[in-house]
Amino acid sequence: MLRKLSMAGVLLIAVAFCFAGWAVAADVVQGKCVEVRAAEKTLVIEEYDVNFSDEHPYGRSTGVVNEYLIDKALVGIPPEPGDILRIAYEVRGTDRVALKVMNVSKQDLRKK
């Protein structure tokens, strides 16, 4: 009886790990807001790298500019050009679809 219970436990754990592998994580980008296109519901940002320093607290510009669809995204503090944003997104076809838009410069957690 005990052997059957332990075998069932092992099987249950194995099944749980199989389903855990199906979870999909979003990509994340951080950078300066270049343009907000309200009519098209898109954001254009200049991406930053992850080399943080006292001189560049949000990273340095990579020179890469990308557009993100925000029509179905959770948007915190409304972004404006010049704000530093962090965007969690998924690539669907050729579009970058934002899931969450966080305004890092207006809600700087490092100051708290």
PDB file of N, CA and C in Angstrom:
ATOM      1  N   MET A   1       0.824  -1.195   0.000  1.00  0.00           N
ATOM      2  CA  MET A   1       0.000   0.000   0.000  1.00  0.00           C
ATOM      3  C   MET A   1       0.873   1.267   0.000  1.00  0.00           C
ATOM      4  N   LEU A   2       1.876   1.282   0.861  1.00  0.00           N
ATOM      5  CA  LEU A   2       2.770   2.435   0.947  1.00  0.00           C
ATOM      6  C   LEU A   2       3.535   2.627  -0.363  1.00  0.00           C
ATOM      7  N   ARG A   3       3.894   1.520  -0.984  1.00  0.00           N
ATOM      8  CA  ARG A   3       4.625   1.585  -2.250  1.00  0.00           C
ATOM      9  C   ARG A   3       3.758   2.200  -3.345  1.00  0.00           C
ATOM     10  N   LYS A   4       2.465   1.875  -3.364  1.00  0.00           N
ATOM     11  CA  LYS A   4       1.554   2.439  -4.356  1.00  0.00           C
ATOM     12  C   LYS A   4       1.386   3.945  -4.142  1.00  0.00           C
ATOM     13  N   LEU A   5       1.312   4.370  -2.881  1.00  0.00           N
ATOM     14  CA  LEU A   5       1.173   5.797  -2.588  1.00  0.00           C
ATOM     15  C   LEU A   5       2.416   6.576  -3.004  1.00  0.00           C
ATOM     16  N   SER A   6       3.593   6.029  -2.738  1.00  0.00           N
ATOM     17  CA  SER A   6       4.815   6.733  -3.118  1.00  0.00           C
ATOM     18  C   SER A   6       4.975   6.773  -4.636  1.00  0.00           C
ATOM     19  N   MET A   7       4.558   5.712  -5.313  1.00  0.00           N
ATOM     20  CA  MET A   7       4.616   5.691  -6.778  1.00  0.00           C
ATOM     21  C   MET A   7       3.642   6.721  -7.355  1.00  0.00           C
ATOM     22  N   ALA A   8       2.470   6.851  -6.746  1.00  0.00           N
ATOM     23  CA  ALA A   8       1.492   7.843  -7.189  1.00  0.00           C
ATOM     24  C   ALA A   8       2.029   9.255  -6.950  1.00  0.00           C
ATOM     25  N   GLY A   9       2.723   9.463  -5.842  1.00  0.00           N
ATOM     26  CA  GLY A   9       3.321  10.769  -5.547  1.00  0.00           C
ATOM     27  C   GLY A   9       4.377  11.148  -6.566  1.00  0.00           C
ATOM     28  N   VAL A  10       5.230  10.203  -6.918  1.00  0.00           N
ATOM     29  CA  VAL A  10       6.275  10.450  -7.919  1.00  0.00           C
ATOM     30  C   VAL A  10       5.644  10.770  -9.265  1.00  0.00           C
ATOM     31  N   LEU A  11       4.601  10.040  -9.631  1.00  0.00           N
ATOM     32  CA  LEU A  11       3.908  10.272 -10.895  1.00  0.00           C
ATOM     33  C   LEU A  11       3.258  11.660 -10.904  1.00  0.00           C
ATOM     34  N   LEU A  12       2.660  12.050  -9.791  1.00  0.00           N
ATOM     35  CA  LEU A  12       2.028  13.361  -9.688  1.00  0.00           C
ATOM     36  C   LEU A  12       3.054  14.484  -9.834  1.00  0.00           C
ATOM     37  N   ILE A  13       4.196  14.335  -9.211  1.00  0.00           N
ATOM     38  CA  ILE A  13       5.258  15.338  -9.317  1.00  0.00           C
ATOM     39  C   ILE A  13       5.784  15.413 -10.747  1.00  0.00           C
ATOM     40  N   ALA A  14       5.947  14.279 -11.401  1.00  0.00           N
ATOM     41  CA  ALA A  14       6.425  14.261 -12.787  1.00  0.00           C
ATOM     42  C   ALA A  14       5.448  14.976 -13.712  1.00  0.00           C
ATOM     43  N   VAL A  15       4.157  14.742 -13.527  1.00  0.00           N
ATOM     44  CA  VAL A  15       3.140  15.406 -14.346  1.00  0.00           C
ATOM     45  C   VAL A  15       3.167  16.917 -14.099  1.00  0.00           C
ATOM     46  N   ALA A  16       3.338  17.323 -12.841  1.00  0.00           N
ATOM     47  CA  ALA A  16       3.396  18.752 -12.510  1.00  0.00           C
ATOM     48  C   ALA A  16       4.575  19.423 -13.211  1.00  0.00           C
ATOM     49  N   PHE A  17       5.725  18.762 -13.245  1.00  0.00           N
ATOM     50  CA  PHE A  17       6.890  19.335 -13.926  1.00  0.00           C
ATOM     51  C   PHE A  17       6.671  19.421 -15.432  1.00  0.00           C
ATOM     52  N   CYS A  18       5.951  18.477 -15.997  1.00  0.00           N
ATOM     53  CA  CYS A  18       5.664  18.531 -17.433  1.00  0.00           C
ATOM     54  C   CYS A  18       4.825  19.755 -17.775  1.00  0.00           C
ATOM     55  N   PHE A  19       3.799  20.024 -16.962  1.00  0.00           N
ATOM     56  CA  PHE A  19       2.956  21.190 -17.216  1.00  0.00           C
ATOM     57  C   PHE A  19       3.682  22.492 -16.921  1.00  0.00           C
ATOM     58  N   ALA A  20       4.592  22.497 -15.985  1.00  0.00           N
ATOM     59  CA  ALA A  20       5.350  23.709 -15.657  1.00  0.00           C
ATOM     60  C   ALA A  20       6.228  24.125 -16.830  1.00  0.00           C
ATOM     61  N   GLY A  21       6.661  23.193 -17.635  1.00  0.00           N
ATOM     62  CA  GLY A  21       7.495  23.496 -18.795  1.00  0.00           C
ATOM     63  C   GLY A  21       6.745  24.231 -19.885  1.00  0.00           C
ATOM     64  N   TRP A  22       5.421  24.202 -19.847  1.00  0.00           N
ATOM     65  CA  TRP A  22       4.628  24.875 -20.866  1.00  0.00           C
ATOM     66  C   TRP A  22       4.462  26.361 -20.610  1.00  0.00           C
ATOM     67  N   ALA A  23       4.837  26.838 -19.459  1.00  0.00           N
ATOM     68  CA  ALA A  23       4.699  28.260 -19.145  1.00  0.00           C
ATOM     69  C   ALA A  23       5.627  29.067 -20.048  1.00  0.00           C
ATOM     70  N   VAL A  24       5.101  30.135 -20.604  1.00  0.00           N
ATOM     71  CA  VAL A  24       5.870  30.967 -21.518  1.00  0.00           C
ATOM     72  C   VAL A  24       6.173  32.302 -20.834  1.00  0.00           C
ATOM     73  N   ALA A  25       7.421  32.676 -20.835  1.00  0.00           N
ATOM     74  CA  ALA A  25       7.815  33.954 -20.237  1.00  0.00           C
ATOM     75  C   ALA A  25       7.875  35.024 -21.322  1.00  0.00           C
ATOM     76  N   ALA A  26       7.537  36.230 -20.942  1.00  0.00           N
ATOM     77  CA  ALA A  26       7.591  37.351 -21.878  1.00  0.00           C
ATOM     78  C   ALA A  26       9.010  37.910 -21.944  1.00  0.00           C
ATOM     79  N   ASP A  27       9.328  38.549 -23.058  1.00  0.00           N
ATOM     80  CA  ASP A  27      10.592  39.272 -23.183  1.00  0.00           C
ATOM     81  C   ASP A  27      10.419  40.638 -22.525  1.00  0.00           C
ATOM     82  N   VAL A  28      11.513  41.214 -22.074  1.00  0.00           N
ATOM     83  CA  VAL A  28      11.465  42.522 -21.410  1.00  0.00           C
ATOM     84  C   VAL A  28      12.496  43.441 -22.046  1.00  0.00           C
ATOM     85  N   VAL A  29      12.098  44.687 -22.258  1.00  0.00           N
ATOM     86  CA  VAL A  29      12.996  45.699 -22.804  1.00  0.00           C
ATOM     87  C   VAL A  29      12.843  46.970 -21.972  1.00  0.00           C
ATOM     88  N   GLN A  30      13.921  47.725 -21.881  1.00  0.00           N
ATOM     89  CA  GLN A  30      13.884  49.005 -21.175  1.00  0.00           C
ATOM     90  C   GLN A  30      14.526  50.052 -22.061  1.00  0.00           C
ATOM     91  N   GLY A  31      13.955  51.242 -22.055  1.00  0.00           N
ATOM     92  CA  GLY A  31      14.530  52.309 -22.856  1.00  0.00           C
ATOM     93  C   GLY A  31      13.753  53.600 -22.747  1.00  0.00           C
ATOM     94  N   LYS A  32      14.185  54.589 -23.530  1.00  0.00           N
ATOM     95  CA  LYS A  32      13.582  55.923 -23.500  1.00  0.00           C
ATOM     96  C   LYS A  32      12.435  55.993 -24.496  1.00  0.00           C
ATOM     97  N   CYS A  33      11.309  56.521 -24.044  1.00  0.00           N
ATOM     98  CA  CYS A  33      10.151  56.713 -24.914  1.00  0.00           C
ATOM     99  C   CYS A  33      10.473  57.816 -25.917  1.00  0.00           C
ATOM    100  N   VAL A  34      10.370  57.491 -27.188  1.00  0.00           N
ATOM    101  CA  VAL A  34      10.640  58.459 -28.248  1.00  0.00           C
ATOM    102  C   VAL A  34       9.340  59.106 -28.704  1.00  0.00           C
ATOM    103  N   GLU A  35       8.287  58.272 -28.810  1.00  0.00           N
ATOM    104  CA  GLU A  35       7.019  58.774 -29.338  1.00  0.00           C
ATOM    105  C   GLU A  35       5.875  57.919 -28.811  1.00  0.00           C
ATOM    106  N   VAL A  36       4.756  58.583 -28.507  1.00  0.00           N
ATOM    107  CA  VAL A  36       3.519  57.899 -28.138  1.00  0.00           C
ATOM    108  C   VAL A  36       2.516  58.207 -29.238  1.00  0.00           C
ATOM    109  N   ARG A  37       2.041  57.167 -29.916  1.00  0.00           N
ATOM    110  CA  ARG A  37       1.047  57.345 -30.979  1.00  0.00           C
ATOM    111  C   ARG A  37      -0.296  56.855 -30.446  1.00  0.00           C
ATOM    112  N   ALA A  38      -1.068  57.766 -29.883  1.00  0.00           N
ATOM    113  CA  ALA A  38      -2.328  57.403 -29.230  1.00  0.00           C
ATOM    114  C   ALA A  38      -3.338  56.827 -30.218  1.00  0.00           C
ATOM    115  N   ALA A  39      -3.432  57.400 -31.409  1.00  0.00           N
ATOM    116  CA  ALA A  39      -4.405  56.931 -32.394  1.00  0.00           C
ATOM    117  C   ALA A  39      -4.111  55.501 -32.840  1.00  0.00           C
ATOM    118  N   GLU A  40      -2.834  55.176 -32.986  1.00  0.00           N
ATOM    119  CA  GLU A  40      -2.431  53.831 -33.418  1.00  0.00           C
ATOM    120  C   GLU A  40      -2.219  52.890 -32.242  1.00  0.00           C
ATOM    121  N   LYS A  41      -2.266  53.444 -31.022  1.00  0.00           N
ATOM    122  CA  LYS A  41      -2.019  52.686 -29.796  1.00  0.00           C
ATOM    123  C   LYS A  41      -0.669  51.974 -29.845  1.00  0.00           C
ATOM    124  N   THR A  42       0.363  52.757 -30.153  1.00  0.00           N
ATOM    125  CA  THR A  42       1.726  52.226 -30.193  1.00  0.00           C
ATOM    126  C   THR A  42       2.675  53.151 -29.445  1.00  0.00           C
ATOM    127  N   LEU A  43       3.780  52.569 -29.014  1.00  0.00           N
ATOM    128  CA  LEU A  43       4.878  53.301 -28.388  1.00  0.00           C
ATOM    129  C   LEU A  43       6.126  53.053 -29.208  1.00  0.00           C
ATOM    130  N   VAL A  44       6.955  54.058 -29.340  1.00  0.00           N
ATOM    131  CA  VAL A  44       8.262  53.898 -29.971  1.00  0.00           C
ATOM    132  C   VAL A  44       9.292  54.188 -28.890  1.00  0.00           C
ATOM    133  N   ILE A  45      10.205  53.233 -28.657  1.00  0.00           N
ATOM    134  CA  ILE A  45      11.244  53.459 -27.652  1.00  0.00           C
ATOM    135  C   ILE A  45      12.627  53.190 -28.231  1.00  0.00           C
ATOM    136  N   GLU A  46      13.594  53.889 -27.658  1.00  0.00           N
ATOM    137  CA  GLU A  46      15.007  53.663 -27.957  1.00  0.00           C
ATOM    138  C   GLU A  46      15.527  52.753 -26.850  1.00  0.00           C
ATOM    139  N   GLU A  47      15.946  51.548 -27.220  1.00  0.00           N
ATOM    140  CA  GLU A  47      16.315  50.538 -26.228  1.00  0.00           C
ATOM    141  C   GLU A  47      17.630  50.853 -25.534  1.00  0.00           C
ATOM    142  N   TYR A  48      17.700  50.481 -24.253  1.00  0.00           N
ATOM    143  CA  TYR A  48      18.900  50.631 -23.437  1.00  0.00           C
ATOM    144  C   TYR A  48      19.481  49.261 -23.128  1.00  0.00           C
ATOM    145  N   ASP A  49      20.784  49.220 -22.838  1.00  0.00           N
ATOM    146  CA  ASP A  49      21.426  47.967 -22.434  1.00  0.00           C
ATOM    147  C   ASP A  49      21.301  47.802 -20.917  1.00  0.00           C
ATOM    148  N   VAL A  50      21.958  46.796 -20.372  1.00  0.00           N
ATOM    149  CA  VAL A  50      21.865  46.523 -18.929  1.00  0.00           C
ATOM    150  C   VAL A  50      23.152  46.880 -18.189  1.00  0.00           C
ATOM    151  N   ASN A  51      23.963  47.747 -18.762  1.00  0.00           N
ATOM    152  CA  ASN A  51      25.191  48.210 -18.102  1.00  0.00           C
ATOM    153  C   ASN A  51      24.863  49.438 -17.261  1.00  0.00           C
ATOM    154  N   PHE A  52      24.361  49.203 -16.045  1.00  0.00           N
ATOM    155  CA  PHE A  52      23.963  50.291 -15.156  1.00  0.00           C
ATOM    156  C   PHE A  52      25.184  50.877 -14.461  1.00  0.00           C
ATOM    157  N   SER A  53      25.164  52.184 -14.252  1.00  0.00           N
ATOM    158  CA  SER A  53      26.247  52.870 -13.539  1.00  0.00           C
ATOM    159  C   SER A  53      25.661  54.128 -12.906  1.00  0.00           C
ATOM    160  N   ASP A  54      26.482  54.829 -12.120  1.00  0.00           N
ATOM    161  CA  ASP A  54      26.020  56.088 -11.531  1.00  0.00           C
ATOM    162  C   ASP A  54      25.708  57.114 -12.617  1.00  0.00           C
ATOM    163  N   GLU A  55      26.509  57.094 -13.670  1.00  0.00           N
ATOM    164  CA  GLU A  55      26.311  58.027 -14.779  1.00  0.00           C
ATOM    165  C   GLU A  55      25.099  57.649 -15.633  1.00  0.00           C
ATOM    166  N   HIS A  56      24.851  56.341 -15.776  1.00  0.00           N
ATOM    167  CA  HIS A  56      23.737  55.828 -16.585  1.00  0.00           C
ATOM    168  C   HIS A  56      22.909  54.871 -15.727  1.00  0.00           C
ATOM    169  N   PRO A  57      22.050  55.390 -14.846  1.00  0.00           N
ATOM    170  CA  PRO A  57      21.318  54.526 -13.911  1.00  0.00           C
ATOM    171  C   PRO A  57      20.315  53.592 -14.584  1.00  0.00           C
ATOM    172  N   TYR A  58      19.894  53.900 -15.810  1.00  0.00           N
ATOM    173  CA  TYR A  58      18.945  53.041 -16.517  1.00  0.00           C
ATOM    174  C   TYR A  58      19.607  52.267 -17.656  1.00  0.00           C
ATOM    175  N   GLY A  59      20.911  52.363 -17.783  1.00  0.00           N
ATOM    176  CA  GLY A  59      21.637  51.726 -18.876  1.00  0.00           C
ATOM    177  C   GLY A  59      21.967  52.747 -19.953  1.00  0.00           C
ATOM    178  N   ARG A  60      22.695  52.286 -20.962  1.00  0.00           N
ATOM    179  CA  ARG A  60      23.092  53.161 -22.071  1.00  0.00           C
ATOM    180  C   ARG A  60      22.269  52.833 -23.305  1.00  0.00           C
ATOM    181  N   SER A  61      22.099  53.814 -24.144  1.00  0.00           N
ATOM    182  CA  SER A  61      21.355  53.623 -25.383  1.00  0.00           C
ATOM    183  C   SER A  61      22.094  52.651 -26.297  1.00  0.00           C
ATOM    184  N   THR A  62      21.342  51.738 -26.904  1.00  0.00           N
ATOM    185  CA  THR A  62      21.925  50.810 -27.875  1.00  0.00           C
ATOM    186  C   THR A  62      21.773  51.342 -29.299  1.00  0.00           C
ATOM    187  N   GLY A  63      20.958  52.380 -29.462  1.00  0.00           N
ATOM    188  CA  GLY A  63      20.700  52.914 -30.794  1.00  0.00           C
ATOM    189  C   GLY A  63      19.578  52.190 -31.517  1.00  0.00           C
ATOM    190  N   VAL A  64      19.047  51.131 -30.910  1.00  0.00           N
ATOM    191  CA  VAL A  64      17.959  50.364 -31.518  1.00  0.00           C
ATOM    192  C   VAL A  64      16.632  51.024 -31.155  1.00  0.00           C
ATOM    193  N   VAL A  65      15.810  51.297 -32.163  1.00  0.00           N
ATOM    194  CA  VAL A  65      14.497  51.903 -31.950  1.00  0.00           C
ATOM    195  C   VAL A  65      13.445  50.909 -32.427  1.00  0.00           C
ATOM    196  N   ASN A  66      12.487  50.591 -31.548  1.00  0.00           N
ATOM    197  CA  ASN A  66      11.427  49.645 -31.890  1.00  0.00           C
ATOM    198  C   ASN A  66      10.069  50.195 -31.504  1.00  0.00           C
ATOM    199  N   GLU A  67       9.049  49.650 -32.166  1.00  0.00           N
ATOM    200  CA  GLU A  67       7.662  50.050 -31.934  1.00  0.00           C
ATOM    201  C   GLU A  67       6.919  48.896 -31.264  1.00  0.00           C
ATOM    202  N   TYR A  68       6.073  49.222 -30.286  1.00  0.00           N
ATOM    203  CA  TYR A  68       5.328  48.218 -29.522  1.00  0.00           C
ATOM    204  C   TYR A  68       3.845  48.561 -29.537  1.00  0.00           C
ATOM    205  N   LEU A  69       3.010  47.568 -29.810  1.00  0.00           N
ATOM    206  CA  LEU A  69       1.563  47.750 -29.751  1.00  0.00           C
ATOM    207  C   LEU A  69       1.132  47.719 -28.291  1.00  0.00           C
ATOM    208  N   ILE A  70       0.324  48.695 -27.859  1.00  0.00           N
ATOM    209  CA  ILE A  70      -0.075  48.758 -26.449  1.00  0.00           C
ATOM    210  C   ILE A  70      -1.591  48.721 -26.269  1.00  0.00           C
ATOM    211  N   ASP A  71      -2.338  48.350 -27.315  1.00  0.00           N
ATOM    212  CA  ASP A  71      -3.795  48.413 -27.222  1.00  0.00           C
ATOM    213  C   ASP A  71      -4.386  47.500 -26.144  1.00  0.00           C
ATOM    214  N   LYS A  72      -3.758  46.362 -25.842  1.00  0.00           N
ATOM    215  CA  LYS A  72      -4.286  45.444 -24.827  1.00  0.00           C
ATOM    216  C   LYS A  72      -3.366  45.330 -23.612  1.00  0.00           C
ATOM    217  N   ALA A  73      -2.396  46.215 -23.511  1.00  0.00           N
ATOM    218  CA  ALA A  73      -1.408  46.139 -22.427  1.00  0.00           C
ATOM    219  C   ALA A  73      -1.930  46.795 -21.152  1.00  0.00           C
ATOM    220  N   LEU A  74      -1.401  46.322 -20.026  1.00  0.00           N
ATOM    221  CA  LEU A  74      -1.620  47.000 -18.751  1.00  0.00           C
ATOM    222  C   LEU A  74      -0.614  48.141 -18.693  1.00  0.00           C
ATOM    223  N   VAL A  75      -1.107  49.364 -18.639  1.00  0.00           N
ATOM    224  CA  VAL A  75      -0.231  50.536 -18.638  1.00  0.00           C
ATOM    225  C   VAL A  75      -0.365  51.228 -17.290  1.00  0.00           C
ATOM    226  N   GLY A  76       0.762  51.402 -16.613  1.00  0.00           N
ATOM    227  CA  GLY A  76       0.763  52.080 -15.316  1.00  0.00           C
ATOM    228  C   GLY A  76       0.637  53.580 -15.508  1.00  0.00           C
ATOM    229  N   ILE A  77       1.623  54.330 -15.062  1.00  0.00           N
ATOM    230  CA  ILE A  77       1.638  55.782 -15.245  1.00  0.00           C
ATOM    231  C   ILE A  77       1.778  56.064 -16.742  1.00  0.00           C
ATOM    232  N   PRO A  78       0.875  56.864 -17.322  1.00  0.00           N
ATOM    233  CA  PRO A  78       0.920  57.099 -18.769  1.00  0.00           C
ATOM    234  C   PRO A  78       2.284  57.624 -19.229  1.00  0.00           C
ATOM    235  N   PRO A  79       2.851  56.988 -20.264  1.00  0.00           N
ATOM    236  CA  PRO A  79       4.172  57.397 -20.748  1.00  0.00           C
ATOM    237  C   PRO A  79       4.111  58.667 -21.591  1.00  0.00           C
ATOM    238  N   GLU A  80       5.200  59.408 -21.535  1.00  0.00           N
ATOM    239  CA  GLU A  80       5.388  60.602 -22.358  1.00  0.00           C
ATOM    240  C   GLU A  80       6.777  60.519 -22.973  1.00  0.00           C
ATOM    241  N   PRO A  81       7.002  61.184 -24.113  1.00  0.00           N
ATOM    242  CA  PRO A  81       8.342  61.180 -24.700  1.00  0.00           C
ATOM    243  C   PRO A  81       9.385  61.654 -23.689  1.00  0.00           C
ATOM    244  N   GLY A  82      10.492  60.917 -23.617  1.00  0.00           N
ATOM    245  CA  GLY A  82      11.565  61.217 -22.677  1.00  0.00           C
ATOM    246  C   GLY A  82      11.543  60.347 -21.433  1.00  0.00           C
ATOM    247  N   ASP A  83      10.396  59.717 -21.126  1.00  0.00           N
ATOM    248  CA  ASP A  83      10.301  58.832 -19.962  1.00  0.00           C
ATOM    249  C   ASP A  83      11.068  57.540 -20.211  1.00  0.00           C
ATOM    250  N   ILE A  84      11.581  56.952 -19.140  1.00  0.00           N
ATOM    251  CA  ILE A  84      12.224  55.642 -19.225  1.00  0.00           C
ATOM    252  C   ILE A  84      11.149  54.599 -18.950  1.00  0.00           C
ATOM    253  N   LEU A  85      10.973  53.668 -19.887  1.00  0.00           N
ATOM    254  CA  LEU A  85       9.929  52.654 -19.787  1.00  0.00           C
ATOM    255  C   LEU A  85      10.533  51.265 -19.726  1.00  0.00           C
ATOM    256  N   ARG A  86       9.833  50.370 -19.056  1.00  0.00           N
ATOM    257  CA  ARG A  86      10.156  48.940 -19.084  1.00  0.00           C
ATOM    258  C   ARG A  86       8.914  48.255 -19.636  1.00  0.00           C
ATOM    259  N   ILE A  87       9.096  47.465 -20.689  1.00  0.00           N
ATOM    260  CA  ILE A  87       7.972  46.834 -21.375  1.00  0.00           C
ATOM    261  C   ILE A  87       8.167  45.326 -21.401  1.00  0.00           C
ATOM    262  N   ALA A  88       7.165  44.602 -20.911  1.00  0.00           N
ATOM    263  CA  ALA A  88       7.115  43.149 -21.066  1.00  0.00           C
ATOM    264  C   ALA A  88       6.272  42.900 -22.316  1.00  0.00           C
ATOM    265  N   TYR A  89       6.806  42.125 -23.261  1.00  0.00           N
ATOM    266  CA  TYR A  89       6.122  41.961 -24.543  1.00  0.00           C
ATOM    267  C   TYR A  89       6.298  40.554 -25.101  1.00  0.00           C
ATOM    268  N   GLU A  90       5.449  40.249 -26.082  1.00  0.00           N
ATOM    269  CA  GLU A  90       5.554  39.008 -26.855  1.00  0.00           C
ATOM    270  C   GLU A  90       5.658  39.380 -28.325  1.00  0.00           C
ATOM    271  N   VAL A  91       6.366  38.574 -29.081  1.00  0.00           N
ATOM    272  CA  VAL A  91       6.450  38.776 -30.525  1.00  0.00           C
ATOM    273  C   VAL A  91       5.376  37.907 -31.164  1.00  0.00           C
ATOM    274  N   ARG A  92       4.480  38.545 -31.908  1.00  0.00           N
ATOM    275  CA  ARG A  92       3.413  37.832 -32.628  1.00  0.00           C
ATOM    276  C   ARG A  92       3.539  38.193 -34.099  1.00  0.00           C
ATOM    277  N   GLY A  93       4.060  37.258 -34.856  1.00  0.00           N
ATOM    278  CA  GLY A  93       4.343  37.537 -36.262  1.00  0.00           C
ATOM    279  C   GLY A  93       5.489  38.525 -36.351  1.00  0.00           C
ATOM    280  N   THR A  94       5.218  39.686 -36.926  1.00  0.00           N
ATOM    281  CA  THR A  94       6.248  40.726 -37.014  1.00  0.00           C
ATOM    282  C   THR A  94       6.010  41.846 -36.002  1.00  0.00           C
ATOM    283  N   ASP A  95       4.948  41.724 -35.205  1.00  0.00           N
ATOM    284  CA  ASP A  95       4.608  42.766 -34.228  1.00  0.00           C
ATOM    285  C   ASP A  95       5.151  42.439 -32.848  1.00  0.00           C
ATOM    286  N   ARG A  96       5.521  43.469 -32.122  1.00  0.00           N
ATOM    287  CA  ARG A  96       5.894  43.354 -30.707  1.00  0.00           C
ATOM    288  C   ARG A  96       4.686  43.855 -29.923  1.00  0.00           C
ATOM    289  N   VAL A  97       4.022  42.930 -29.243  1.00  0.00           N
ATOM    290  CA  VAL A  97       2.783  43.245 -28.534  1.00  0.00           C
ATOM    291  C   VAL A  97       3.080  43.365 -27.046  1.00  0.00           C
ATOM    292  N   ALA A  98       2.892  44.558 -26.502  1.00  0.00           N
ATOM    293  CA  ALA A  98       3.173  44.811 -25.086  1.00  0.00           C
ATOM    294  C   ALA A  98       2.118  44.148 -24.212  1.00  0.00           C
ATOM    295  N   LEU A  99       2.585  43.525 -23.132  1.00  0.00           N
ATOM    296  CA  LEU A  99       1.694  42.958 -22.131  1.00  0.00           C
ATOM    297  C   LEU A  99       1.567  43.906 -20.943  1.00  0.00           C
ATOM    298  N   LYS A 100       2.679  44.549 -20.591  1.00  0.00           N
ATOM    299  CA  LYS A 100       2.710  45.475 -19.459  1.00  0.00           C
ATOM    300  C   LYS A 100       3.700  46.592 -19.771  1.00  0.00           C
ATOM    301  N   VAL A 101       3.307  47.823 -19.485  1.00  0.00           N
ATOM    302  CA  VAL A 101       4.169  48.989 -19.685  1.00  0.00           C
ATOM    303  C   VAL A 101       4.354  49.674 -18.331  1.00  0.00           C
ATOM    304  N   MET A 102       5.609  49.749 -17.883  1.00  0.00           N
ATOM    305  CA  MET A 102       5.922  50.355 -16.588  1.00  0.00           C
ATOM    306  C   MET A 102       6.753  51.612 -16.819  1.00  0.00           C
ATOM    307  N   ASN A 103       6.340  52.709 -16.228  1.00  0.00           N
ATOM    308  CA  ASN A 103       7.051  53.976 -16.358  1.00  0.00           C
ATOM    309  C   ASN A 103       8.082  54.046 -15.242  1.00  0.00           C
ATOM    310  N   VAL A 104       9.311  53.683 -15.549  1.00  0.00           N
ATOM    311  CA  VAL A 104      10.376  53.567 -14.548  1.00  0.00           C
ATOM    312  C   VAL A 104      10.803  54.934 -14.028  1.00  0.00           C
ATOM    313  N   SER A 105      10.889  55.925 -14.896  1.00  0.00           N
ATOM    314  CA  SER A 105      11.389  57.235 -14.469  1.00  0.00           C
ATOM    315  C   SER A 105      10.408  57.970 -13.561  1.00  0.00           C
ATOM    316  N   LYS A 106       9.118  57.751 -13.725  1.00  0.00           N
ATOM    317  CA  LYS A 106       8.134  58.434 -12.881  1.00  0.00           C
ATOM    318  C   LYS A 106       7.777  57.636 -11.628  1.00  0.00           C
ATOM    319  N   GLN A 107       8.156  56.392 -11.614  1.00  0.00           N
ATOM    320  CA  GLN A 107       7.906  55.563 -10.435  1.00  0.00           C
ATOM    321  C   GLN A 107       9.214  54.855 -10.105  1.00  0.00           C
ATOM    322  N   ASP A 108      10.209  55.616  -9.759  1.00  0.00           N
ATOM    323  CA  ASP A 108      11.546  55.082  -9.512  1.00  0.00           C
ATOM    324  C   ASP A 108      11.591  54.411  -8.144  1.00  0.00           C
ATOM    325  N   LEU A 109      11.618  53.097  -8.135  1.00  0.00           N
ATOM    326  CA  LEU A 109      11.600  52.331  -6.890  1.00  0.00           C
ATOM    327  C   LEU A 109      12.896  52.476  -6.107  1.00  0.00           C
ATOM    328  N   ARG A 110      13.967  52.911  -6.764  1.00  0.00           N
ATOM    329  CA  ARG A 110      15.244  53.054  -6.064  1.00  0.00           C
ATOM    330  C   ARG A 110      15.210  54.217  -5.073  1.00  0.00           C
ATOM    331  N   LYS A 111      14.294  55.159  -5.252  1.00  0.00           N
ATOM    332  CA  LYS A 111      14.210  56.323  -4.372  1.00  0.00           C
ATOM    333  C   LYS A 111      13.430  56.032  -3.099  1.00  0.00           C
ATOM    334  N   LYS A 112      12.726  54.906  -3.054  1.00  0.00           N
ATOM    335  CA  LYS A 112      11.894  54.577  -1.886  1.00  0.00           C
ATOM    336  C   LYS A 112      12.680  53.891  -0.817  1.00  0.00           C
TER     337      LYS A 112
END
